[in-house]
């Protein structure tokens, strides 16, 4: 930390004013220096910040999608079950008729 600049203090203070940022559970991964951080942000096209901002929307959409898929699967299973039952009934009916003919 260089003396005479606010850089270090700013870092220490962070978002929480006087109390200082970076409290609570610390990140395990070491922080990148500003230049590398900028490069990485640029590489990912700020996707991480966007994801943070819209994560709730994405999760909601994703959940909706999963729910729809689940519903479709259940519907399909139901239909298959019904079809099987119908087929069995038809076969039983045909069997009865055949026996009746003889």
PDB file of N, CA and C in Angstrom:
ATOM      1  N   UNK A   1       0.855  -1.185   0.000  1.00  0.00           N
ATOM      2  CA  UNK A   1       0.000   0.000   0.000  1.00  0.00           C
ATOM      3  C   UNK A   1       0.887   1.230   0.000  1.00  0.00           C
ATOM      4  N   UNK A   2       0.635   2.137  -0.939  1.00  0.00           N
ATOM      5  CA  UNK A   2       1.477   3.335  -1.011  1.00  0.00           C
ATOM      6  C   UNK A   2       0.971   4.371  -0.027  1.00  0.00           C
ATOM      7  N   UNK A   3       1.903   5.075   0.586  1.00  0.00           N
ATOM      8  CA  UNK A   3       1.497   6.098   1.558  1.00  0.00           C
ATOM      9  C   UNK A   3       1.044   7.344   0.823  1.00  0.00           C
ATOM     10  N   UNK A   4       0.147   8.064   1.458  1.00  0.00           N
ATOM     11  CA  UNK A   4      -0.272   9.339   0.880  1.00  0.00           C
ATOM     12  C   UNK A   4      -1.378   9.217  -0.145  1.00  0.00           C
ATOM     13  N   UNK A   5      -1.855   8.007  -0.385  1.00  0.00           N
ATOM     14  CA  UNK A   5      -2.994   7.872  -1.303  1.00  0.00           C
ATOM     15  C   UNK A   5      -4.147   7.222  -0.553  1.00  0.00           C
ATOM     16  N   UNK A   6      -5.329   7.374  -1.110  1.00  0.00           N
ATOM     17  CA  UNK A   6      -6.493   6.792  -0.462  1.00  0.00           C
ATOM     18  C   UNK A   6      -6.703   5.354  -0.882  1.00  0.00           C
ATOM     19  N   UNK A   7      -5.824   4.867  -1.744  1.00  0.00           N
ATOM     20  CA  UNK A   7      -6.093   3.572  -2.352  1.00  0.00           C
ATOM     21  C   UNK A   7      -6.310   2.480  -1.311  1.00  0.00           C
ATOM     22  N   UNK A   8      -5.346   2.387  -0.390  1.00  0.00           N
ATOM     23  CA  UNK A   8      -5.434   1.323   0.610  1.00  0.00           C
ATOM     24  C   UNK A   8      -6.643   1.491   1.495  1.00  0.00           C
ATOM     25  N   UNK A   9      -6.883   2.735   1.925  1.00  0.00           N
ATOM     26  CA  UNK A   9      -8.022   2.980   2.816  1.00  0.00           C
ATOM     27  C   UNK A   9      -9.305   2.640   2.108  1.00  0.00           C
ATOM     28  N   UNK A  10      -9.384   3.040   0.847  1.00  0.00           N
ATOM     29  CA  UNK A  10     -10.582   2.776   0.062  1.00  0.00           C
ATOM     30  C   UNK A  10     -10.830   1.264   0.047  1.00  0.00           C
ATOM     31  N   UNK A  11      -9.742   0.533  -0.163  1.00  0.00           N
ATOM     32  CA  UNK A  11      -9.842  -0.922  -0.221  1.00  0.00           C
ATOM     33  C   UNK A  11     -10.316  -1.441   1.131  1.00  0.00           C
ATOM     34  N   UNK A  12      -9.731  -0.895   2.194  1.00  0.00           N
ATOM     35  CA  UNK A  12     -10.081  -1.370   3.535  1.00  0.00           C
ATOM     36  C   UNK A  12     -11.517  -1.013   3.864  1.00  0.00           C
ATOM     37  N   UNK A  13     -11.925   0.186   3.436  1.00  0.00           N
ATOM     38  CA  UNK A  13     -13.280   0.627   3.778  1.00  0.00           C
ATOM     39  C   UNK A  13     -14.310  -0.113   2.941  1.00  0.00           C
ATOM     40  N   UNK A  14     -14.104  -0.121   1.641  1.00  0.00           N
ATOM     41  CA  UNK A  14     -15.025  -0.853   0.782  1.00  0.00           C
ATOM     42  C   UNK A  14     -16.419  -0.261   0.830  1.00  0.00           C
ATOM     43  N   UNK A  15     -17.419  -1.119   0.758  1.00  0.00           N
ATOM     44  CA  UNK A  15     -18.801  -0.661   0.637  1.00  0.00           C
ATOM     45  C   UNK A  15     -19.375  -0.227   1.971  1.00  0.00           C
ATOM     46  N   UNK A  16     -18.808  -0.738   3.074  1.00  0.00           N
ATOM     47  CA  UNK A  16     -19.502  -0.577   4.341  1.00  0.00           C
ATOM     48  C   UNK A  16     -19.039   0.625   5.145  1.00  0.00           C
ATOM     49  N   UNK A  17     -18.578   1.651   4.442  1.00  0.00           N
ATOM     50  CA  UNK A  17     -18.221   2.889   5.128  1.00  0.00           C
ATOM     51  C   UNK A  17     -17.085   2.682   6.113  1.00  0.00           C
ATOM     52  N   UNK A  18     -17.281   3.156   7.308  1.00  0.00           N
ATOM     53  CA  UNK A  18     -16.235   3.149   8.306  1.00  0.00           C
ATOM     54  C   UNK A  18     -15.815   1.746   8.705  1.00  0.00           C
ATOM     55  N   UNK A  19     -16.781   0.834   8.685  1.00  0.00           N
ATOM     56  CA  UNK A  19     -16.533  -0.493   9.238  1.00  0.00           C
ATOM     57  C   UNK A  19     -15.576  -1.310   8.381  1.00  0.00           C
ATOM     58  N   UNK A  20     -15.499  -0.959   7.091  1.00  0.00           N
ATOM     59  CA  UNK A  20     -14.558  -1.666   6.225  1.00  0.00           C
ATOM     60  C   UNK A  20     -15.233  -2.767   5.444  1.00  0.00           C
ATOM     61  N   UNK A  21     -14.762  -2.950   4.220  1.00  0.00           N
ATOM     62  CA  UNK A  21     -15.347  -3.973   3.365  1.00  0.00           C
ATOM     63  C   UNK A  21     -14.724  -5.320   3.651  1.00  0.00           C
ATOM     64  N   UNK A  22     -15.112  -6.303   2.881  1.00  0.00           N
ATOM     65  CA  UNK A  22     -14.540  -7.645   2.953  1.00  0.00           C
ATOM     66  C   UNK A  22     -14.674  -8.234   4.346  1.00  0.00           C
ATOM     67  N   UNK A  23     -15.911  -8.217   4.875  1.00  0.00           N
ATOM     68  CA  UNK A  23     -16.148  -8.838   6.170  1.00  0.00           C
ATOM     69  C   UNK A  23     -16.860 -10.155   5.950  1.00  0.00           C
ATOM     70  N   UNK A  24     -17.043 -10.882   7.038  1.00  0.00           N
ATOM     71  CA  UNK A  24     -17.770 -12.145   6.917  1.00  0.00           C
ATOM     72  C   UNK A  24     -16.879 -13.207   6.300  1.00  0.00           C
ATOM     73  N   UNK A  25     -17.498 -14.150   5.622  1.00  0.00           N
ATOM     74  CA  UNK A  25     -16.715 -15.255   5.054  1.00  0.00           C
ATOM     75  C   UNK A  25     -15.811 -14.736   3.968  1.00  0.00           C
ATOM     76  N   UNK A  26     -14.528 -14.973   4.128  1.00  0.00           N
ATOM     77  CA  UNK A  26     -13.560 -14.497   3.145  1.00  0.00           C
ATOM     78  C   UNK A  26     -13.544 -15.415   1.928  1.00  0.00           C
ATOM     79  N   UNK A  27     -13.188 -14.827   0.807  1.00  0.00           N
ATOM     80  CA  UNK A  27     -13.039 -15.631  -0.398  1.00  0.00           C
ATOM     81  C   UNK A  27     -11.766 -16.454  -0.269  1.00  0.00           C
ATOM     82  N   UNK A  28     -11.852 -17.696  -0.714  1.00  0.00           N
ATOM     83  CA  UNK A  28     -10.666 -18.548  -0.643  1.00  0.00           C
ATOM     84  C   UNK A  28      -9.659 -18.179  -1.730  1.00  0.00           C
ATOM     85  N   UNK A  29     -10.179 -17.791  -2.893  1.00  0.00           N
ATOM     86  CA  UNK A  29      -9.268 -17.540  -4.018  1.00  0.00           C
ATOM     87  C   UNK A  29      -8.606 -16.185  -3.855  1.00  0.00           C
ATOM     88  N   UNK A  30      -7.334 -16.092  -4.181  1.00  0.00           N
ATOM     89  CA  UNK A  30      -6.663 -14.812  -4.053  1.00  0.00           C
ATOM     90  C   UNK A  30      -7.212 -13.815  -5.066  1.00  0.00           C
ATOM     91  N   UNK A  31      -7.249 -12.553  -4.665  1.00  0.00           N
ATOM     92  CA  UNK A  31      -7.759 -11.534  -5.563  1.00  0.00           C
ATOM     93  C   UNK A  31      -6.752 -11.261  -6.672  1.00  0.00           C
ATOM     94  N   UNK A  32      -7.249 -10.972  -7.851  1.00  0.00           N
ATOM     95  CA  UNK A  32      -6.356 -10.604  -8.952  1.00  0.00           C
ATOM     96  C   UNK A  32      -5.998  -9.134  -8.813  1.00  0.00           C
ATOM     97  N   UNK A  33      -4.866  -8.767  -9.377  1.00  0.00           N
ATOM     98  CA  UNK A  33      -4.533  -7.351  -9.382  1.00  0.00           C
ATOM     99  C   UNK A  33      -5.427  -6.679 -10.439  1.00  0.00           C
ATOM    100  N   UNK A  34      -5.550  -5.358 -10.341  1.00  0.00           N
ATOM    101  CA  UNK A  34      -6.546  -4.621 -11.119  1.00  0.00           C
ATOM    102  C   UNK A  34      -6.442  -4.919 -12.609  1.00  0.00           C
ATOM    103  N   UNK A  35      -5.184  -4.963 -13.117  1.00  0.00           N
ATOM    104  CA  UNK A  35      -5.011  -5.125 -14.560  1.00  0.00           C
ATOM    105  C   UNK A  35      -5.547  -6.494 -14.996  1.00  0.00           C
ATOM    106  N   UNK A  36      -5.159  -7.519 -14.246  1.00  0.00           N
ATOM    107  CA  UNK A  36      -5.609  -8.866 -14.599  1.00  0.00           C
ATOM    108  C   UNK A  36      -7.122  -8.976 -14.464  1.00  0.00           C
ATOM    109  N   UNK A  37      -7.647  -8.346 -13.404  1.00  0.00           N
ATOM    110  CA  UNK A  37      -9.102  -8.376 -13.200  1.00  0.00           C
ATOM    111  C   UNK A  37      -9.805  -7.763 -14.402  1.00  0.00           C
ATOM    112  N   UNK A  38      -9.277  -6.617 -14.855  1.00  0.00           N
ATOM    113  CA  UNK A  38      -9.875  -5.934 -16.008  1.00  0.00           C
ATOM    114  C   UNK A  38      -9.825  -6.828 -17.231  1.00  0.00           C
ATOM    115  N   UNK A  39      -8.656  -7.463 -17.420  1.00  0.00           N
ATOM    116  CA  UNK A  39      -8.511  -8.338 -18.584  1.00  0.00           C
ATOM    117  C   UNK A  39      -9.554  -9.458 -18.533  1.00  0.00           C
ATOM    118  N   UNK A  40      -9.688 -10.053 -17.329  1.00  0.00           N
ATOM    119  CA  UNK A  40     -10.606 -11.179 -17.211  1.00  0.00           C
ATOM    120  C   UNK A  40     -12.045 -10.713 -17.441  1.00  0.00           C
ATOM    121  N   UNK A  41     -12.378  -9.551 -16.863  1.00  0.00           N
ATOM    122  CA  UNK A  41     -13.718  -9.009 -17.060  1.00  0.00           C
ATOM    123  C   UNK A  41     -13.984  -8.807 -18.544  1.00  0.00           C
ATOM    124  N   UNK A  42     -12.973  -8.272 -19.220  1.00  0.00           N
ATOM    125  CA  UNK A  42     -13.152  -8.016 -20.640  1.00  0.00           C
ATOM    126  C   UNK A  42     -13.342  -9.331 -21.390  1.00  0.00           C
ATOM    127  N   UNK A  43     -12.542 -10.332 -21.010  1.00  0.00           N
ATOM    128  CA  UNK A  43     -12.606 -11.616 -21.713  1.00  0.00           C
ATOM    129  C   UNK A  43     -13.983 -12.239 -21.576  1.00  0.00           C
ATOM    130  N   UNK A  44     -14.522 -12.201 -20.370  1.00  0.00           N
ATOM    131  CA  UNK A  44     -15.823 -12.826 -20.192  1.00  0.00           C
ATOM    132  C   UNK A  44     -16.949 -11.887 -20.602  1.00  0.00           C
ATOM    133  N   UNK A  45     -16.586 -10.722 -21.127  1.00  0.00           N
ATOM    134  CA  UNK A  45     -17.607  -9.795 -21.620  1.00  0.00           C
ATOM    135  C   UNK A  45     -18.532  -9.339 -20.519  1.00  0.00           C
ATOM    136  N   UNK A  46     -17.959  -9.157 -19.329  1.00  0.00           N
ATOM    137  CA  UNK A  46     -18.742  -8.679 -18.182  1.00  0.00           C
ATOM    138  C   UNK A  46     -19.899  -9.619 -17.878  1.00  0.00           C
ATOM    139  N   UNK A  47     -19.747 -10.869 -18.296  1.00  0.00           N
ATOM    140  CA  UNK A  47     -20.841 -11.820 -18.101  1.00  0.00           C
ATOM    141  C   UNK A  47     -21.079 -12.029 -16.606  1.00  0.00           C
ATOM    142  N   UNK A  48     -19.981 -11.973 -15.826  1.00  0.00           N
ATOM    143  CA  UNK A  48     -20.142 -12.275 -14.412  1.00  0.00           C
ATOM    144  C   UNK A  48     -20.948 -11.189 -13.721  1.00  0.00           C
ATOM    145  N   UNK A  49     -20.661  -9.930 -14.061  1.00  0.00           N
ATOM    146  CA  UNK A  49     -21.414  -8.843 -13.435  1.00  0.00           C
ATOM    147  C   UNK A  49     -22.866  -8.919 -13.875  1.00  0.00           C
ATOM    148  N   UNK A  50     -23.072  -9.210 -15.157  1.00  0.00           N
ATOM    149  CA  UNK A  50     -24.430  -9.304 -15.669  1.00  0.00           C
ATOM    150  C   UNK A  50     -25.155 -10.441 -14.943  1.00  0.00           C
ATOM    151  N   UNK A  51     -24.450 -11.545 -14.803  1.00  0.00           N
ATOM    152  CA  UNK A  51     -25.069 -12.707 -14.163  1.00  0.00           C
ATOM    153  C   UNK A  51     -25.472 -12.338 -12.743  1.00  0.00           C
ATOM    154  N   UNK A  52     -24.596 -11.590 -12.077  1.00  0.00           N
ATOM    155  CA  UNK A  52     -24.916 -11.169 -10.717  1.00  0.00           C
ATOM    156  C   UNK A  52     -26.165 -10.313 -10.702  1.00  0.00           C
ATOM    157  N   UNK A  53     -26.259  -9.425 -11.672  1.00  0.00           N
ATOM    158  CA  UNK A  53     -27.366  -8.488 -11.688  1.00  0.00           C
ATOM    159  C   UNK A  53     -28.672  -9.190 -12.041  1.00  0.00           C
ATOM    160  N   UNK A  54     -28.602 -10.111 -13.010  1.00  0.00           N
ATOM    161  CA  UNK A  54     -29.832 -10.727 -13.502  1.00  0.00           C
ATOM    162  C   UNK A  54     -29.964 -12.174 -13.072  1.00  0.00           C
ATOM    163  N   UNK A  55     -29.194 -12.572 -12.058  1.00  0.00           N
ATOM    164  CA  UNK A  55     -29.191 -13.986 -11.699  1.00  0.00           C
ATOM    165  C   UNK A  55     -30.592 -14.459 -11.335  1.00  0.00           C
ATOM    166  N   UNK A  56     -31.314 -13.617 -10.574  1.00  0.00           N
ATOM    167  CA  UNK A  56     -32.648 -14.041 -10.138  1.00  0.00           C
ATOM    168  C   UNK A  56     -33.556 -14.270 -11.339  1.00  0.00           C
ATOM    169  N   UNK A  57     -33.438 -13.380 -12.352  1.00  0.00           N
ATOM    170  CA  UNK A  57     -34.260 -13.568 -13.560  1.00  0.00           C
ATOM    171  C   UNK A  57     -33.910 -14.891 -14.226  1.00  0.00           C
ATOM    172  N   UNK A  58     -32.598 -15.111 -14.377  1.00  0.00           N
ATOM    173  CA  UNK A  58     -32.149 -16.321 -15.061  1.00  0.00           C
ATOM    174  C   UNK A  58     -32.654 -17.545 -14.317  1.00  0.00           C
ATOM    175  N   UNK A  59     -32.495 -17.527 -12.984  1.00  0.00           N
ATOM    176  CA  UNK A  59     -32.911 -18.713 -12.227  1.00  0.00           C
ATOM    177  C   UNK A  59     -34.408 -18.908 -12.370  1.00  0.00           C
ATOM    178  N   UNK A  60     -35.152 -17.805 -12.369  1.00  0.00           N
ATOM    179  CA  UNK A  60     -36.604 -17.942 -12.483  1.00  0.00           C
ATOM    180  C   UNK A  60     -36.957 -18.580 -13.821  1.00  0.00           C
ATOM    181  N   UNK A  61     -36.337 -18.077 -14.884  1.00  0.00           N
ATOM    182  CA  UNK A  61     -36.603 -18.634 -16.217  1.00  0.00           C
ATOM    183  C   UNK A  61     -36.214 -20.107 -16.265  1.00  0.00           C
ATOM    184  N   UNK A  62     -35.043 -20.386 -15.686  1.00  0.00           N
ATOM    185  CA  UNK A  62     -34.522 -21.749 -15.705  1.00  0.00           C
ATOM    186  C   UNK A  62     -35.479 -22.676 -14.964  1.00  0.00           C
ATOM    187  N   UNK A  63     -35.935 -22.211 -13.790  1.00  0.00           N
ATOM    188  CA  UNK A  63     -36.878 -23.018 -13.015  1.00  0.00           C
ATOM    189  C   UNK A  63     -38.151 -23.269 -13.806  1.00  0.00           C
ATOM    190  N   UNK A  64     -38.646 -22.212 -14.466  1.00  0.00           N
ATOM    191  CA  UNK A  64     -39.861 -22.349 -15.267  1.00  0.00           C
ATOM    192  C   UNK A  64     -39.654 -23.407 -16.352  1.00  0.00           C
ATOM    193  N   UNK A  65     -38.470 -23.331 -16.990  1.00  0.00           N
ATOM    194  CA  UNK A  65     -38.157 -24.274 -18.059  1.00  0.00           C
ATOM    195  C   UNK A  65     -38.154 -25.707 -17.508  1.00  0.00           C
ATOM    196  N   UNK A  66     -37.459 -25.882 -16.379  1.00  0.00           N
ATOM    197  CA  UNK A  66     -37.370 -27.213 -15.789  1.00  0.00           C
ATOM    198  C   UNK A  66     -38.755 -27.727 -15.421  1.00  0.00           C
ATOM    199  N   UNK A  67     -39.565 -26.817 -14.854  1.00  0.00           N
ATOM    200  CA  UNK A  67     -40.910 -27.215 -14.444  1.00  0.00           C
ATOM    201  C   UNK A  67     -41.712 -27.666 -15.663  1.00  0.00           C
ATOM    202  N   UNK A  68     -41.581 -26.905 -16.763  1.00  0.00           N
ATOM    203  CA  UNK A  68     -42.306 -27.245 -17.994  1.00  0.00           C
ATOM    204  C   UNK A  68     -41.866 -28.621 -18.487  1.00  0.00           C
ATOM    205  N   UNK A  69     -40.551 -28.841 -18.457  1.00  0.00           N
ATOM    206  CA  UNK A  69     -40.022 -30.125 -18.923  1.00  0.00           C
ATOM    207  C   UNK A  69     -40.571 -31.268 -18.071  1.00  0.00           C
ATOM    208  N   UNK A  70     -40.590 -31.015 -16.739  1.00  0.00           N
ATOM    209  CA  UNK A  70     -41.106 -32.022 -15.811  1.00  0.00           C
ATOM    210  C   UNK A  70     -42.566 -32.342 -16.136  1.00  0.00           C
ATOM    211  N   UNK A  71     -43.339 -31.262 -16.366  1.00  0.00           N
ATOM    212  CA  UNK A  71     -44.759 -31.439 -16.658  1.00  0.00           C
ATOM    213  C   UNK A  71     -44.931 -32.263 -17.937  1.00  0.00           C
ATOM    214  N   UNK A  72     -44.138 -31.933 -18.951  1.00  0.00           N
ATOM    215  CA  UNK A  72     -44.218 -32.666 -20.221  1.00  0.00           C
ATOM    216  C   UNK A  72     -43.928 -34.142 -20.004  1.00  0.00           C
ATOM    217  N   UNK A  73     -42.885 -34.419 -19.223  1.00  0.00           N
ATOM    218  CA  UNK A  73     -42.496 -35.804 -18.966  1.00  0.00           C
ATOM    219  C   UNK A  73     -43.639 -36.553 -18.271  1.00  0.00           C
ATOM    220  N   UNK A  74     -44.224 -35.900 -17.249  1.00  0.00           N
ATOM    221  CA  UNK A  74     -45.333 -36.547 -16.527  1.00  0.00           C
ATOM    222  C   UNK A  74     -46.499 -36.815 -17.463  1.00  0.00           C
ATOM    223  N   UNK A  75     -46.794 -35.826 -18.302  1.00  0.00           N
ATOM    224  CA  UNK A  75     -47.906 -35.966 -19.265  1.00  0.00           C
ATOM    225  C   UNK A  75     -47.653 -37.159 -20.182  1.00  0.00           C
ATOM    226  N   UNK A  76     -46.409 -37.236 -20.680  1.00  0.00           N
ATOM    227  CA  UNK A  76     -46.060 -38.316 -21.596  1.00  0.00           C
ATOM    228  C   UNK A  76     -46.228 -39.668 -20.909  1.00  0.00           C
ATOM    229  N   UNK A  77     -45.735 -39.753 -19.664  1.00  0.00           N
ATOM    230  CA  UNK A  77     -45.850 -41.014 -18.929  1.00  0.00           C
ATOM    231  C   UNK A  77     -47.318 -41.411 -18.783  1.00  0.00           C
ATOM    232  N   UNK A  78     -48.139 -40.418 -18.430  1.00  0.00           N
ATOM    233  CA  UNK A  78     -49.574 -40.687 -18.249  1.00  0.00           C
ATOM    234  C   UNK A  78     -50.182 -41.228 -19.539  1.00  0.00           C
ATOM    235  N   UNK A  79     -49.870 -40.542 -20.641  1.00  0.00           N
ATOM    236  CA  UNK A  79     -50.410 -40.945 -21.940  1.00  0.00           C
ATOM    237  C   UNK A  79     -49.984 -42.367 -22.289  1.00  0.00           C
ATOM    238  N   UNK A  80     -48.688 -42.670 -22.051  1.00  0.00           N
ATOM    239  CA  UNK A  80     -48.180 -44.008 -22.362  1.00  0.00           C
ATOM    240  C   UNK A  80     -48.914 -45.060 -21.551  1.00  0.00           C
ATOM    241  N   UNK A  81     -49.115 -44.723 -20.245  1.00  0.00           N
ATOM    242  CA  UNK A  81     -49.804 -45.654 -19.364  1.00  0.00           C
ATOM    243  C   UNK A  81     -51.221 -45.939 -19.870  1.00  0.00           C
ATOM    244  N   UNK A  82     -51.918 -44.856 -20.224  1.00  0.00           N
ATOM    245  CA  UNK A  82     -53.286 -44.981 -20.730  1.00  0.00           C
ATOM    246  C   UNK A  82     -53.294 -45.831 -22.001  1.00  0.00           C
ATOM    247  N   UNK A  83     -52.322 -45.531 -22.894  1.00  0.00           N
ATOM    248  CA  UNK A  83     -52.239 -46.265 -24.171  1.00  0.00           C
ATOM    249  C   UNK A  83     -52.051 -47.758 -23.913  1.00  0.00           C
ATOM    250  N   UNK A  84     -51.159 -48.078 -22.959  1.00  0.00           N
ATOM    251  CA  UNK A  84     -50.901 -49.476 -22.616  1.00  0.00           C
ATOM    252  C   UNK A  84     -52.188 -50.148 -22.138  1.00  0.00           C
ATOM    253  N   UNK A  85     -52.887 -49.442 -21.231  1.00  0.00           N
ATOM    254  CA  UNK A  85     -54.130 -50.011 -20.705  1.00  0.00           C
ATOM    255  C   UNK A  85     -55.129 -50.258 -21.829  1.00  0.00           C
ATOM    256  N   UNK A  86     -55.259 -49.275 -22.736  1.00  0.00           N
ATOM    257  CA  UNK A  86     -56.185 -49.400 -23.856  1.00  0.00           C
ATOM    258  C   UNK A  86     -55.804 -50.603 -24.724  1.00  0.00           C
ATOM    259  N   UNK A  87     -54.501 -50.707 -25.016  1.00  0.00           N
ATOM    260  CA  UNK A  87     -54.031 -51.833 -25.841  1.00  0.00           C
ATOM    261  C   UNK A  87     -54.384 -53.162 -25.187  1.00  0.00           C
ATOM    262  N   UNK A  88     -54.131 -53.251 -23.873  1.00  0.00           N
ATOM    263  CA  UNK A  88     -54.441 -54.496 -23.150  1.00  0.00           C
ATOM    264  C   UNK A  88     -55.928 -54.819 -23.258  1.00  0.00           C
ATOM    265  N   UNK A  89     -56.746 -53.792 -23.060  1.00  0.00           N
ATOM    266  CA  UNK A  89     -58.207 -53.998 -23.128  1.00  0.00           C
ATOM    267  C   UNK A  89     -58.602 -54.525 -24.515  1.00  0.00           C
ATOM    268  N   UNK A  90     -58.016 -53.876 -25.548  1.00  0.00           N
ATOM    269  CA  UNK A  90     -58.335 -54.276 -26.923  1.00  0.00           C
ATOM    270  C   UNK A  90     -57.942 -55.739 -27.147  1.00  0.00           C
ATOM    271  N   UNK A  91     -56.707 -56.071 -26.693  1.00  0.00           N
ATOM    272  CA  UNK A  91     -56.228 -57.443 -26.868  1.00  0.00           C
ATOM    273  C   UNK A  91     -57.148 -58.421 -26.163  1.00  0.00           C
ATOM    274  N   UNK A  92     -57.523 -58.082 -24.928  1.00  0.00           N
ATOM    275  CA  UNK A  92     -58.429 -58.955 -24.166  1.00  0.00           C
ATOM    276  C   UNK A  92     -59.743 -59.127 -24.931  1.00  0.00           C
ATOM    277  N   UNK A  93     -60.253 -58.000 -25.458  1.00  0.00           N
ATOM    278  CA  UNK A  93     -61.514 -58.047 -26.207  1.00  0.00           C
ATOM    279  C   UNK A  93     -61.391 -58.954 -27.417  1.00  0.00           C
ATOM    280  N   UNK A  94     -60.291 -58.788 -28.162  1.00  0.00           N
ATOM    281  CA  UNK A  94     -60.081 -59.610 -29.358  1.00  0.00           C
ATOM    282  C   UNK A  94     -59.996 -61.072 -28.974  1.00  0.00           C
ATOM    283  N   UNK A  95     -59.285 -61.369 -27.905  1.00  0.00           N
ATOM    284  CA  UNK A  95     -59.141 -62.750 -27.431  1.00  0.00           C
ATOM    285  C   UNK A  95     -60.491 -63.353 -27.136  1.00  0.00           C
ATOM    286  N   UNK A  96     -61.345 -62.585 -26.444  1.00  0.00           N
ATOM    287  CA  UNK A  96     -62.695 -63.069 -26.109  1.00  0.00           C
ATOM    288  C   UNK A  96     -63.470 -63.389 -27.386  1.00  0.00           C
ATOM    289  N   UNK A  97     -63.390 -62.465 -28.356  1.00  0.00           N
ATOM    290  CA  UNK A  97     -64.136 -62.653 -29.602  1.00  0.00           C
ATOM    291  C   UNK A  97     -63.672 -63.911 -30.319  1.00  0.00           C
ATOM    292  N   UNK A  98     -62.333 -64.087 -30.363  1.00  0.00           N
ATOM    293  CA  UNK A  98     -61.782 -65.250 -31.050  1.00  0.00           C
ATOM    294  C   UNK A  98     -62.322 -66.534 -30.414  1.00  0.00           C
ATOM    295  N   UNK A  99     -62.304 -66.560 -29.067  1.00  0.00           N
ATOM    296  CA  UNK A  99     -62.784 -67.744 -28.369  1.00  0.00           C
ATOM    297  C   UNK A  99     -64.282 -67.958 -28.659  1.00  0.00           C
ATOM    298  N   UNK A 100     -65.000 -66.831 -28.725  1.00  0.00           N
ATOM    299  CA  UNK A 100     -66.442 -66.927 -28.983  1.00  0.00           C
ATOM    300  C   UNK A 100     -66.728 -67.488 -30.376  1.00  0.00           C
ATOM    301  N   UNK A 101     -65.917 -67.155 -31.368  1.00  0.00           N
ATOM    302  CA  UNK A 101     -66.123 -67.603 -32.739  1.00  0.00           C
ATOM    303  C   UNK A 101     -65.983 -69.121 -32.848  1.00  0.00           C
ATOM    304  N   UNK A 102     -65.004 -69.646 -32.114  1.00  0.00           N
ATOM    305  CA  UNK A 102     -64.704 -71.075 -32.296  1.00  0.00           C
ATOM    306  C   UNK A 102     -65.750 -72.001 -31.774  1.00  0.00           C
TER     307      UNK A 102
END
